[in-house]
Amino acid sequence: MKAVVQRVKEASVEVNEMNYFEKIDKGILILLGIKKGDTADDVNFVADKCSTLRIFEDQNDKMNISVKDISGEVMIISQFTLYGETAKGNRPSFIEAAKPEEAVPLYNLFIKRMKNNIGKDKVKCGLFGEMMDISLINYGPVTVTIESNI
């Protein structure tokens, strides 16, 4: 499992065809990739790490505070293209990405774990498998990658 975490001033997701819109203020945007063979242990590791990742400044301007500590919000977006393999040729291969029947339950479990960690009302999500328009203001910029190796 792989998460690209961006510290944001705000972020939103929109799916025009479904009249779907979600928005967060200060917090983190998580692009979540699920690969074949990922388990609930991977979900728990990555979700817990995202919840406690110290990427917000304390009173001394040091990155020492987590999104949980600042009562920030979280936007979670499924992103199978994080497992795009580009070593051969110019078109990415997505053979490592989990198929929807494996990925959807883990994506939903990740959302549930983040809600437990951060607070139910603090977590917003995109729609799995849909073409989404994502907008964000990356604050810093700060972008880090978290991978499970369980």
Protein backbone atom coordinates (compact mmCIF):
# COMPACT_ATOMS: atom_id res chain seq x y z
CA MET A 1 0.00 0.00 0.00
CA LYS A 2 1.26 3.43 -0.89
CA ALA A 3 0.07 6.87 0.22
CA VAL A 4 1.19 10.22 -1.14
CA VAL A 5 0.43 12.73 1.62
CA GLN A 6 0.24 16.43 0.86
CA ARG A 7 -0.12 19.10 3.52
CA VAL A 8 -2.87 21.44 2.29
CA LYS A 9 -4.54 24.70 3.14
CA GLU A 10 -7.61 23.28 1.42
CA ALA A 11 -8.57 20.51 -1.00
CA SER A 12 -11.67 19.43 -2.85
CA VAL A 13 -12.90 16.60 -5.04
CA GLU A 14 -15.63 16.79 -7.65
CA VAL A 15 -17.33 14.20 -9.82
CA ASN A 16 -19.46 16.21 -12.23
CA GLU A 17 -21.40 13.29 -13.69
CA MET A 18 -22.65 12.35 -10.22
CA ASN A 19 -23.06 15.87 -8.81
CA TYR A 20 -20.58 14.92 -6.05
CA PHE A 21 -18.46 17.48 -4.20
CA GLU A 22 -16.43 17.31 -0.99
CA LYS A 23 -14.06 19.89 0.49
CA ILE A 24 -11.65 20.14 3.41
CA ASP A 25 -9.81 23.03 4.96
CA LYS A 26 -6.37 22.82 6.61
CA GLY A 27 -5.15 19.25 6.78
CA ILE A 28 -3.82 16.54 4.49
CA LEU A 29 -4.75 15.12 1.11
CA ILE A 30 -3.98 11.41 0.82
CA LEU A 31 -3.66 9.77 -2.60
CA LEU A 32 -3.98 6.07 -1.78
CA GLY A 33 -2.71 3.24 -3.96
CA ILE A 34 -3.59 -0.35 -3.15
CA LYS A 35 -1.53 -3.17 -4.64
CA LYS A 36 -2.23 -6.85 -5.10
CA GLY A 37 -1.80 -8.74 -1.85
CA ASP A 38 -2.32 -5.79 0.50
CA THR A 39 -4.09 -6.68 3.75
CA ALA A 40 -5.77 -5.07 6.75
CA ASP A 41 -2.32 -4.89 8.36
CA ASP A 42 -1.15 -2.67 5.50
CA VAL A 43 -4.24 -0.50 5.92
CA ASN A 44 -3.65 -0.08 9.65
CA PHE A 45 0.05 0.71 9.22
CA VAL A 46 -0.46 3.36 6.53
CA ALA A 47 -3.57 4.93 8.11
CA ASP A 48 -1.91 5.16 11.52
CA LYS A 49 1.24 6.65 10.00
CA CYS A 50 -0.80 9.23 8.05
CA SER A 51 -2.72 10.18 11.20
CA THR A 52 0.40 10.80 13.26
CA LEU A 53 2.80 12.10 10.59
CA ARG A 54 4.35 15.26 12.04
CA ILE A 55 4.32 17.65 9.09
CA PHE A 56 2.73 20.74 10.66
CA GLU A 57 4.81 23.41 12.41
CA ASP A 58 4.85 23.90 16.15
CA GLN A 59 5.38 27.27 17.89
CA ASN A 60 9.10 27.05 16.97
CA ASP A 61 8.37 26.58 13.24
CA LYS A 62 9.54 22.95 13.35
CA MET A 63 7.50 20.21 11.68
CA ASN A 64 6.52 18.55 14.93
CA ILE A 65 2.69 18.35 14.92
CA SER A 66 0.33 15.91 13.18
CA VAL A 67 -2.98 16.53 11.45
CA LYS A 68 -4.61 14.91 14.45
CA ASP A 69 -2.86 17.35 16.82
CA ILE A 70 -4.16 20.40 14.94
CA SER A 71 -7.69 18.96 14.57
CA GLY A 72 -7.13 19.16 10.83
CA GLU A 73 -9.14 17.50 8.10
CA VAL A 74 -8.29 14.63 5.76
CA MET A 75 -9.23 14.06 2.11
CA ILE A 76 -8.72 10.49 0.83
CA ILE A 77 -8.57 9.78 -2.90
CA SER A 78 -8.12 6.32 -4.43
CA GLN A 79 -5.21 6.39 -6.87
CA PHE A 80 -4.40 3.09 -8.59
CA THR A 81 -1.95 4.91 -10.88
CA LEU A 82 0.52 5.10 -7.96
CA TYR A 83 1.36 1.53 -8.98
CA GLY A 84 2.00 2.41 -12.61
CA GLU A 85 5.18 0.69 -13.76
CA THR A 86 7.14 2.74 -16.30
CA ALA A 87 10.45 0.86 -16.59
CA LYS A 88 9.59 -0.58 -19.99
CA GLY A 89 8.04 1.49 -22.74
CA ASN A 90 6.20 4.77 -22.46
CA ARG A 91 2.78 3.56 -21.37
CA PRO A 92 2.46 2.66 -17.68
CA SER A 93 1.53 -0.88 -16.76
CA PHE A 94 -0.80 -1.25 -13.79
CA ILE A 95 -0.42 -5.00 -13.18
CA GLU A 96 0.69 -4.42 -9.56
CA ALA A 97 -2.45 -2.42 -8.70
CA ALA A 98 -5.16 -4.38 -6.93
CA LYS A 99 -8.34 -5.09 -8.90
CA PRO A 100 -11.47 -3.34 -7.59
CA GLU A 101 -12.84 -6.48 -5.93
CA GLU A 102 -9.71 -6.58 -3.75
CA ALA A 103 -9.09 -2.82 -3.48
CA VAL A 104 -12.57 -1.51 -2.59
CA PRO A 105 -12.85 -3.33 0.77
CA LEU A 106 -9.34 -2.16 1.72
CA TYR A 107 -10.10 1.41 0.61
CA ASN A 108 -13.25 1.40 2.75
CA LEU A 109 -11.30 -0.07 5.67
CA PHE A 110 -8.70 2.70 5.29
CA ILE A 111 -11.44 5.34 5.42
CA LYS A 112 -12.92 3.71 8.53
CA ARG A 113 -9.50 3.57 10.23
CA MET A 114 -8.82 7.24 9.43
CA LYS A 115 -12.23 8.22 10.82
CA ASN A 116 -11.43 6.30 14.00
CA ASN A 117 -8.00 7.99 14.22
CA ILE A 118 -8.95 11.56 13.30
CA GLY A 119 -12.70 11.84 13.88
CA LYS A 120 -15.65 10.89 11.71
CA ASP A 121 -16.50 14.46 10.72
CA LYS A 122 -12.86 15.26 9.81
CA VAL A 123 -12.52 12.77 6.93
CA LYS A 124 -13.84 13.29 3.39
CA CYS A 125 -13.33 11.03 0.38
CA GLY A 126 -13.42 10.75 -3.35
CA LEU A 127 -15.41 8.06 -5.15
CA PHE A 128 -13.52 4.85 -5.86
CA GLY A 129 -13.07 4.14 -9.57
CA GLU A 130 -14.57 7.42 -10.78
CA MET A 131 -12.93 10.11 -12.89
CA MET A 132 -12.43 12.90 -10.32
CA ASP A 133 -11.32 16.51 -10.45
CA ILE A 134 -9.04 17.22 -7.48
CA SER A 135 -8.13 20.75 -6.42
CA LEU A 136 -5.72 21.66 -3.67
CA ILE A 137 -3.49 24.32 -2.25
CA ASN A 138 -0.34 22.51 -1.17
CA TYR A 139 0.97 24.30 1.90
CA GLY A 140 4.76 24.51 1.97
CA PRO A 141 4.84 22.61 -0.31
CA VAL A 142 5.05 19.48 1.81
CA THR A 143 4.57 16.11 0.12
CA VAL A 144 5.72 12.76 1.55
CA THR A 145 5.24 9.13 0.59
CA ILE A 146 4.33 6.35 3.00
CA GLU A 147 4.57 2.68 2.01
CA SER A 148 3.71 -0.43 3.91
CA ASN A 149 6.22 -3.24 3.82
CA ILE A 150 4.38 -5.58 6.14
